[in-house]
Protein backbone atom coordinates (compact mmCIF):
# COMPACT_ATOMS: atom_id res chain seq x y z
CA UNK A 1 -117.05 -11.61 -33.59
CA UNK A 2 -115.45 -11.71 -36.82
CA UNK A 3 -114.83 -7.52 -36.88
CA UNK A 4 -113.48 -7.61 -33.29
CA UNK A 5 -110.81 -10.35 -34.60
CA UNK A 6 -109.76 -8.43 -37.47
CA UNK A 7 -109.73 -5.20 -35.93
CA UNK A 8 -107.39 -7.23 -33.24
CA UNK A 9 -104.99 -8.59 -35.71
CA UNK A 10 -105.10 -5.18 -37.45
CA UNK A 11 -104.07 -3.26 -34.23
CA UNK A 12 -101.16 -6.21 -33.85
CA UNK A 13 -99.44 -5.32 -36.68
CA UNK A 14 -99.42 -1.62 -36.59
CA UNK A 15 -98.04 -1.92 -33.31
CA UNK A 16 -95.56 -4.31 -34.80
CA UNK A 17 -95.06 -2.11 -37.33
CA UNK A 18 -94.40 0.86 -35.38
CA UNK A 19 -91.88 -0.76 -32.69
CA UNK A 20 -89.88 -1.77 -36.20
CA UNK A 21 -89.64 1.81 -37.32
CA UNK A 22 -88.81 3.19 -34.25
CA UNK A 23 -86.13 0.33 -33.05
CA UNK A 24 -83.28 1.78 -35.98
CA UNK A 25 -83.78 5.42 -34.30
CA UNK A 26 -83.95 4.17 -30.72
CA UNK A 27 -80.43 2.30 -31.24
CA UNK A 28 -78.84 5.45 -33.38
CA UNK A 29 -79.85 7.22 -30.67
CA UNK A 30 -77.94 5.50 -28.25
CA UNK A 31 -74.58 6.03 -30.77
CA UNK A 32 -74.70 9.18 -31.04
CA UNK A 33 -74.89 9.44 -26.84
CA UNK A 34 -71.68 7.60 -26.70
CA UNK A 35 -69.59 9.68 -28.73
CA UNK A 36 -71.12 13.30 -29.54
CA UNK A 37 -67.99 14.90 -31.16
CA UNK A 38 -64.60 14.55 -32.57
CA UNK A 39 -62.04 17.52 -31.72
CA UNK A 40 -58.48 18.48 -32.90
CA UNK A 41 -56.29 20.40 -30.74
CA UNK A 42 -52.41 20.49 -28.97
CA UNK A 43 -51.52 18.10 -25.84
CA UNK A 44 -51.08 21.01 -23.16
CA UNK A 45 -48.62 20.94 -20.17
CA UNK A 46 -50.33 19.73 -16.97
CA UNK A 47 -51.76 16.44 -19.13
CA UNK A 48 -51.81 13.48 -16.75
CA UNK A 49 -52.95 9.60 -16.87
CA UNK A 50 -56.48 11.02 -15.89
CA UNK A 51 -56.28 14.05 -17.55
CA UNK A 52 -55.77 15.05 -20.91
CA UNK A 53 -55.60 19.30 -21.35
CA UNK A 54 -56.01 20.13 -25.28
CA UNK A 55 -55.85 23.35 -26.93
CA UNK A 56 -58.46 23.69 -29.76
CA UNK A 57 -59.62 26.53 -31.92
CA UNK A 58 -62.70 27.14 -30.04
CA UNK A 59 -60.55 27.38 -26.31
CA UNK A 60 -59.13 25.33 -23.95
CA UNK A 61 -60.51 21.64 -22.92
CA UNK A 62 -60.25 19.39 -19.64
CA UNK A 63 -61.34 15.78 -20.56
CA UNK A 64 -61.14 12.58 -18.49
CA UNK A 65 -59.15 9.76 -19.55
CA UNK A 66 -60.50 6.48 -17.52
CA UNK A 67 -60.17 2.46 -18.61
CA UNK A 68 -62.45 2.70 -21.76
CA UNK A 69 -60.67 5.06 -23.86
CA UNK A 70 -58.67 3.75 -26.55
CA UNK A 71 -55.39 4.80 -26.92
CA UNK A 72 -54.14 2.06 -28.73
CA UNK A 73 -52.76 3.71 -31.66
CA UNK A 74 -52.20 6.98 -30.02
CA UNK A 75 -50.78 7.08 -26.66
CA UNK A 76 -48.19 10.48 -26.95
CA UNK A 77 -49.54 12.69 -24.83
CA UNK A 78 -46.52 14.97 -24.56
CA UNK A 79 -47.21 19.05 -24.72
CA UNK A 80 -47.35 20.22 -28.19
CA UNK A 81 -48.82 17.13 -29.63
CA UNK A 82 -51.25 17.19 -32.59
CA UNK A 83 -54.34 14.66 -31.71
CA UNK A 84 -57.61 14.21 -32.30
CA UNK A 85 -60.47 12.80 -29.32
CA UNK A 86 -63.49 11.02 -29.65
CA UNK A 87 -65.35 12.69 -26.80
CA UNK A 88 -68.82 11.54 -25.24
CA UNK A 89 -70.70 13.00 -21.93
CA UNK A 90 -69.87 11.75 -18.85
CA UNK A 91 -72.00 11.66 -15.20
CA UNK A 92 -69.76 13.80 -13.52
CA UNK A 93 -70.53 16.67 -15.85
CA UNK A 94 -66.67 16.13 -17.52
CA UNK A 95 -66.49 15.11 -21.25
CA UNK A 96 -64.62 11.82 -21.72
CA UNK A 97 -62.27 10.55 -24.17
CA UNK A 98 -63.44 7.81 -26.42
CA UNK A 99 -61.14 6.90 -28.59
CA UNK A 100 -57.56 9.40 -29.54
CA UNK A 101 -56.05 9.22 -32.76
CA UNK A 102 -52.76 10.88 -34.27
CA UNK A 103 -52.08 11.87 -37.76
CA UNK A 104 -47.78 11.46 -37.33
CA UNK A 105 -46.45 10.66 -40.50
CA UNK A 106 -44.06 7.40 -40.78
CA UNK A 107 -40.26 8.09 -40.45
CA UNK A 108 -38.03 7.50 -43.18
CA UNK A 109 -35.09 7.52 -40.94
CA UNK A 110 -32.69 4.42 -40.96
CA UNK A 111 -32.61 2.82 -37.32
CA UNK A 112 -29.36 0.92 -36.32
CA UNK A 113 -31.01 -1.85 -34.49
CA UNK A 114 -27.63 -3.94 -34.27
CA UNK A 115 -26.52 -2.08 -31.18
CA UNK A 116 -29.27 -0.86 -28.49
CA UNK A 117 -29.44 1.11 -24.97
CA UNK A 118 -31.64 1.18 -22.30
CA UNK A 119 -32.02 4.37 -20.36
CA UNK A 120 -34.37 4.97 -17.58
CA UNK A 121 -35.71 9.05 -16.85
CA UNK A 122 -38.37 11.17 -16.59
CA UNK A 123 -39.80 12.85 -19.37
CA UNK A 124 -39.51 16.63 -19.14
CA UNK A 125 -42.41 19.14 -20.08
CA UNK A 126 -39.49 20.38 -22.73
CA UNK A 127 -40.77 17.38 -24.75
CA UNK A 128 -42.47 18.65 -27.83
CA UNK A 129 -43.59 16.81 -30.93
CA UNK A 130 -41.70 13.60 -31.72
CA UNK A 131 -38.75 14.29 -29.10
CA UNK A 132 -38.42 13.34 -25.94
CA UNK A 133 -36.81 15.06 -23.21
CA UNK A 134 -35.44 12.75 -20.79
CA UNK A 135 -34.15 13.96 -17.16
CA UNK A 136 -31.77 11.16 -15.95
CA UNK A 137 -29.21 11.34 -12.89
CA UNK A 138 -26.60 12.12 -15.74
CA UNK A 139 -28.15 15.25 -17.44
CA UNK A 140 -31.01 15.36 -20.48
CA UNK A 141 -31.15 13.23 -23.35
CA UNK A 142 -32.89 13.66 -26.39
CA UNK A 143 -34.85 10.72 -27.84
CA UNK A 144 -36.84 10.72 -31.06
CA UNK A 145 -40.45 9.01 -31.06
CA UNK A 146 -41.24 6.82 -34.19
CA UNK A 147 -45.10 5.56 -35.52
CA UNK A 148 -43.43 2.30 -34.64
CA UNK A 149 -42.30 2.81 -31.32
CA UNK A 150 -43.63 -0.22 -29.05
CA UNK A 151 -45.70 1.51 -26.74
CA UNK A 152 -47.54 -1.47 -25.21
CA UNK A 153 -45.50 -1.23 -21.69
CA UNK A 154 -47.32 1.73 -21.10
CA UNK A 155 -50.50 3.43 -21.27
CA UNK A 156 -50.45 6.54 -22.50
CA UNK A 157 -46.66 8.77 -22.42
CA UNK A 158 -47.32 12.04 -20.10
CA UNK A 159 -44.91 14.57 -18.92
CA UNK A 160 -43.32 14.26 -15.20
CA UNK A 161 -43.89 10.05 -15.18
CA UNK A 162 -40.64 7.55 -15.16
CA UNK A 163 -40.20 5.34 -17.80
CA UNK A 164 -37.63 2.62 -19.31
CA UNK A 165 -36.70 3.61 -22.56
CA UNK A 166 -34.68 1.28 -24.86
CA UNK A 167 -33.18 3.07 -28.19
CA UNK A 168 -30.98 2.77 -31.36
CA UNK A 169 -29.16 5.43 -33.29
CA UNK A 170 -30.85 6.97 -36.24
CA UNK A 171 -29.46 8.02 -39.88
CA UNK A 172 -30.41 11.24 -38.21
CA UNK A 173 -27.61 11.39 -35.57
CA UNK A 174 -30.56 11.26 -33.00
CA UNK A 175 -31.06 8.62 -30.38
CA UNK A 176 -34.81 7.01 -31.39
CA UNK A 177 -37.39 5.01 -29.09
CA UNK A 178 -37.71 1.38 -29.74
CA UNK A 179 -39.81 0.42 -27.24
CA UNK A 180 -40.89 2.56 -23.79
CA UNK A 181 -42.02 1.17 -20.66
CA UNK A 182 -43.79 2.70 -17.71
CA UNK A 183 -41.67 2.15 -14.65
CA UNK A 184 -44.44 3.37 -12.15
CA UNK A 185 -46.82 0.88 -13.17
CA UNK A 186 -50.79 1.07 -13.36
CA UNK A 187 -53.01 2.68 -16.32
CA UNK A 188 -55.50 5.19 -17.36
CA UNK A 189 -57.21 6.60 -14.82
CA UNK A 190 -55.04 5.12 -12.08
CA UNK A 191 -53.31 7.50 -10.05
CA UNK A 192 -33.13 6.85 -14.48
CA UNK A 193 -30.87 6.06 -14.96
CA UNK A 194 -28.38 5.96 -17.99
CA UNK A 195 -26.74 2.45 -18.31
CA UNK A 196 -23.65 4.38 -18.14
CA UNK A 197 -21.31 3.41 -15.17
CA UNK A 198 -19.95 7.44 -14.26
CA UNK A 199 -16.65 7.74 -12.73
CA UNK A 200 -18.69 9.04 -9.74
CA UNK A 201 -19.54 5.55 -8.88
CA UNK A 202 -16.37 3.82 -9.25
CA UNK A 203 -14.16 6.57 -7.30
CA UNK A 204 -14.91 7.01 -3.74
CA UNK A 205 -15.67 10.03 -2.01
CA UNK A 206 -13.25 11.52 0.26
CA UNK A 207 -13.95 12.06 3.57
CA UNK A 208 -14.71 15.79 4.15
CA UNK A 209 -13.86 17.31 7.77
CA UNK A 210 -16.57 19.47 6.89
CA UNK A 211 -20.17 19.22 9.06
CA UNK A 212 -21.24 22.64 8.87
CA UNK A 213 -21.08 25.92 7.49
CA UNK A 214 -21.22 25.31 4.19
CA UNK A 215 -22.60 27.34 1.44
CA UNK A 216 -22.80 26.92 -2.62
CA UNK A 217 -21.71 29.22 -5.19
CA UNK A 218 -21.94 29.10 -9.02
CA UNK A 219 -20.04 31.02 -11.46
CA UNK A 220 -17.27 30.28 -14.34
CA UNK A 221 -14.03 29.11 -14.25
CA UNK A 222 -11.23 31.68 -15.03
CA UNK A 223 -7.79 31.33 -17.13
CA UNK A 224 -6.35 32.10 -13.59
CA UNK A 225 -7.55 28.44 -11.93
CA UNK A 226 -4.53 26.11 -10.86
CA UNK A 227 -4.70 22.36 -9.73
CA UNK A 228 -4.87 23.64 -6.08
CA UNK A 229 -6.58 26.49 -6.23
CA UNK A 230 -10.21 27.25 -8.72
CA UNK A 231 -10.23 31.37 -9.52
CA UNK A 232 -14.44 31.16 -9.96
CA UNK A 233 -15.97 34.34 -11.66
CA UNK A 234 -19.51 35.33 -9.31
CA UNK A 235 -21.90 38.03 -9.90
CA UNK A 236 -20.13 38.57 -6.33
CA UNK A 237 -16.52 38.99 -7.79
CA UNK A 238 -14.12 36.34 -8.61
CA UNK A 239 -13.17 33.78 -5.85
CA UNK A 240 -10.25 32.15 -4.83
CA UNK A 241 -11.30 28.47 -3.26
CA UNK A 242 -8.66 26.44 -2.48
CA UNK A 243 -8.84 22.88 -4.00
CA UNK A 244 -7.26 19.98 -1.35
CA UNK A 245 -7.15 16.44 -0.58
CA UNK A 246 -10.96 16.44 1.13
CA UNK A 247 -12.42 18.34 -2.37
CA UNK A 248 -14.79 16.01 -3.95
CA UNK A 249 -14.31 16.47 -7.61
CA UNK A 250 -15.69 13.37 -8.96
CA UNK A 251 -18.93 15.41 -11.12
CA UNK A 252 -16.74 18.61 -11.64
CA UNK A 253 -13.12 17.21 -12.82
CA UNK A 254 -12.70 19.68 -15.58
CA UNK A 255 -11.91 23.23 -14.23
CA UNK A 256 -11.27 24.66 -17.65
CA UNK A 257 -11.97 28.33 -18.82
CA UNK A 258 -15.14 29.54 -18.90
CA UNK A 259 -16.91 26.66 -17.81
CA UNK A 260 -20.02 26.54 -15.40
CA UNK A 261 -19.61 25.13 -12.25
CA UNK A 262 -21.70 25.00 -8.95
CA UNK A 263 -19.37 24.71 -6.01
CA UNK A 264 -19.70 23.65 -1.91
CA UNK A 265 -17.32 26.14 -0.11
CA UNK A 266 -16.56 26.40 3.69
CA UNK A 267 -14.20 28.52 5.37
CA UNK A 268 -10.95 26.54 6.36
CA UNK A 269 -8.29 27.37 9.15
CA UNK A 270 -5.91 28.83 6.85
CA UNK A 271 -8.74 31.80 6.23
CA UNK A 272 -9.24 30.74 2.53
CA UNK A 273 -12.60 29.35 1.25
CA UNK A 274 -11.92 25.52 0.37
CA UNK A 275 -13.92 23.33 -1.90
CA UNK A 276 -16.01 20.94 -0.37
CA UNK A 277 -17.80 19.73 -3.69
CA UNK A 278 -17.70 20.63 -6.83
CA UNK A 279 -20.53 19.91 -9.75
CA UNK A 280 -20.35 20.78 -13.22
CA UNK A 281 -22.89 20.60 -16.02
CA UNK A 282 -22.78 16.67 -17.65
CA UNK A 283 -24.56 15.26 -21.02
CA UNK A 284 -26.34 11.99 -20.48
CA UNK A 285 -24.70 9.89 -22.90
CA UNK A 286 -25.21 6.07 -23.91
CA UNK A 287 -22.78 4.21 -23.69
CA UNK A 288 -20.18 2.11 -26.26
CA UNK A 289 -19.14 -0.97 -26.14
CA UNK A 290 -15.74 -0.50 -25.39
CA UNK A 291 -12.83 -3.24 -26.15
CA UNK A 292 -10.55 -2.82 -23.20
CA UNK A 293 -8.66 -5.82 -24.50
CA UNK A 294 -6.68 -3.58 -26.66
CA UNK A 295 -5.97 -0.26 -25.11
CA UNK A 296 -2.95 2.88 -26.47
CA UNK A 297 -1.14 5.10 -24.37
CA UNK A 298 -0.54 8.56 -25.64
CA UNK A 299 0.69 11.72 -23.41
CA UNK A 300 -0.45 15.86 -23.88
CA UNK A 301 -1.92 18.45 -22.70
CA UNK A 302 -5.44 18.79 -21.92
CA UNK A 303 -6.92 21.46 -24.29
CA UNK A 304 -9.46 24.30 -22.77
CA UNK A 305 -12.97 22.74 -24.65
CA UNK A 306 -12.79 19.48 -22.10
CA UNK A 307 -15.86 18.80 -20.66
CA UNK A 308 -17.46 16.25 -18.35
CA UNK A 309 -18.11 13.90 -21.31
CA UNK A 310 -15.16 14.73 -24.07
CA UNK A 311 -11.36 15.25 -22.68
CA UNK A 312 -9.42 17.10 -25.80
CA UNK A 313 -5.75 16.10 -26.03
CA UNK A 314 -3.24 17.75 -27.19
CA UNK A 315 -0.63 15.82 -28.63
CA UNK A 316 2.78 15.80 -30.46
CA UNK A 317 0.79 13.75 -33.62
CA UNK A 318 -2.30 16.29 -33.51
CA UNK A 319 -5.38 17.07 -31.17
CA UNK A 320 -7.16 13.89 -30.44
CA UNK A 321 -10.81 13.75 -28.95
CA UNK A 322 -11.31 10.91 -25.71
CA UNK A 323 -14.88 10.26 -24.63
CA UNK A 324 -14.81 10.32 -20.72
CA UNK A 325 -17.94 7.62 -20.67
CA UNK A 326 -16.14 4.75 -19.64
CA UNK A 327 -13.48 5.95 -17.27
CA UNK A 328 -11.87 3.46 -14.90
CA UNK A 329 -9.26 5.89 -12.97
CA UNK A 330 -7.67 9.39 -12.42
CA UNK A 331 -4.60 9.56 -10.03
CA UNK A 332 -1.84 11.69 -9.78
CA UNK A 333 -4.88 14.87 -9.83
CA UNK A 334 -7.85 15.99 -8.16
CA UNK A 335 -9.02 18.17 -11.07
CA UNK A 336 -8.19 18.41 -14.97
CA UNK A 337 -7.17 22.01 -15.92
CA UNK A 338 -6.41 23.40 -19.32
CA UNK A 339 -2.67 23.40 -20.01
CA UNK A 340 -2.15 19.94 -17.97
CA UNK A 341 -0.07 17.50 -19.10
CA UNK A 342 -1.46 13.73 -18.45
CA UNK A 343 -0.99 10.21 -19.80
CA UNK A 344 -4.50 8.52 -20.72
CA UNK A 345 -4.93 5.34 -21.70
CA UNK A 346 -8.02 4.72 -24.36
CA UNK A 347 -9.52 1.90 -26.09
CA UNK A 348 -11.75 1.88 -29.24
CA UNK A 349 -15.42 1.80 -29.04
CA UNK A 350 -18.34 0.50 -30.68
CA UNK A 351 -19.27 4.17 -31.53
CA UNK A 352 -15.48 4.57 -33.48
CA UNK A 353 -14.56 7.15 -30.83
CA UNK A 354 -11.47 6.55 -28.37
CA UNK A 355 -12.44 6.70 -25.19
CA UNK A 356 -10.42 7.36 -22.03
CA UNK A 357 -9.88 4.46 -19.29
CA UNK A 358 -7.37 5.51 -17.77
CA UNK A 359 -5.67 8.87 -16.95
CA UNK A 360 -2.67 9.96 -14.87
CA UNK A 361 -1.28 12.81 -13.80
CA UNK A 362 2.45 14.03 -14.85
């Protein structure tokens, strides 16, 4: 009996020792199953909030993003971004991202936080590295990302998604994002307009007699262009297009030589082609604070470098550059052509530029 008790105790001790020896190994194998590898690569086009496409030295990978993915230290998943991804096997056969990190360097650029602006737009796939290309109704903006950009308002930052971006001017002349919010909502695994007020929203569109029969042409402005006649060089030859009272030129005011325009045209009762709408390229700009309580009035002729953004005005005192972002009225002319004499009321902005406020054709 005594011998049996001794054997039982020895067996129990052996089992206990074996279980203690095996337990750490079991725990280690569970941890290894959670993160099987860490891969480094560049984010590819086509990445979404659900699926990360990564180009690595070993080939292209597709990695699922889900609610368990830790992207707290690296939310920028734009094409070209270099990242590290800790991955695990998923029951769906995909690799899943456990953790995403980045080796981005801290920025040495000084930011002017005394004045900020907010724009809403869609991130373009042309975005690369730390430069966001943001598509807004007024055009494309380039905004830089910093390591301290506040991204708490979005799960990750991907192309073809709309965000609200607060930005300030940096010492490198770029606008820098201080915070970004996902306007669409949702998070991982869930499936803009600049604050500038454009002239087009201040001037009512003319009532057009055109109901059908319009076509669209693209070309560059010829130096023969006048206030009432647009000479447009197209791939089919030069067109003569009448500009009349019904022409909507709000988005294509400047008809200066070499400028590219998109014009909607129709045939008039006089046998000429008439312009229904004129649209010129316009860059998105951030609004400045303009002190309209103190204005100046200048007269001069429009220079041929003028664009929808900047009016180049030749005056008796020299050449002026007047920004066009806060124009509230244009009278006495339908379009602005090179050599046209105008009188401009202008005011100084917080960006140190003079800004055109009212324009009158002479």
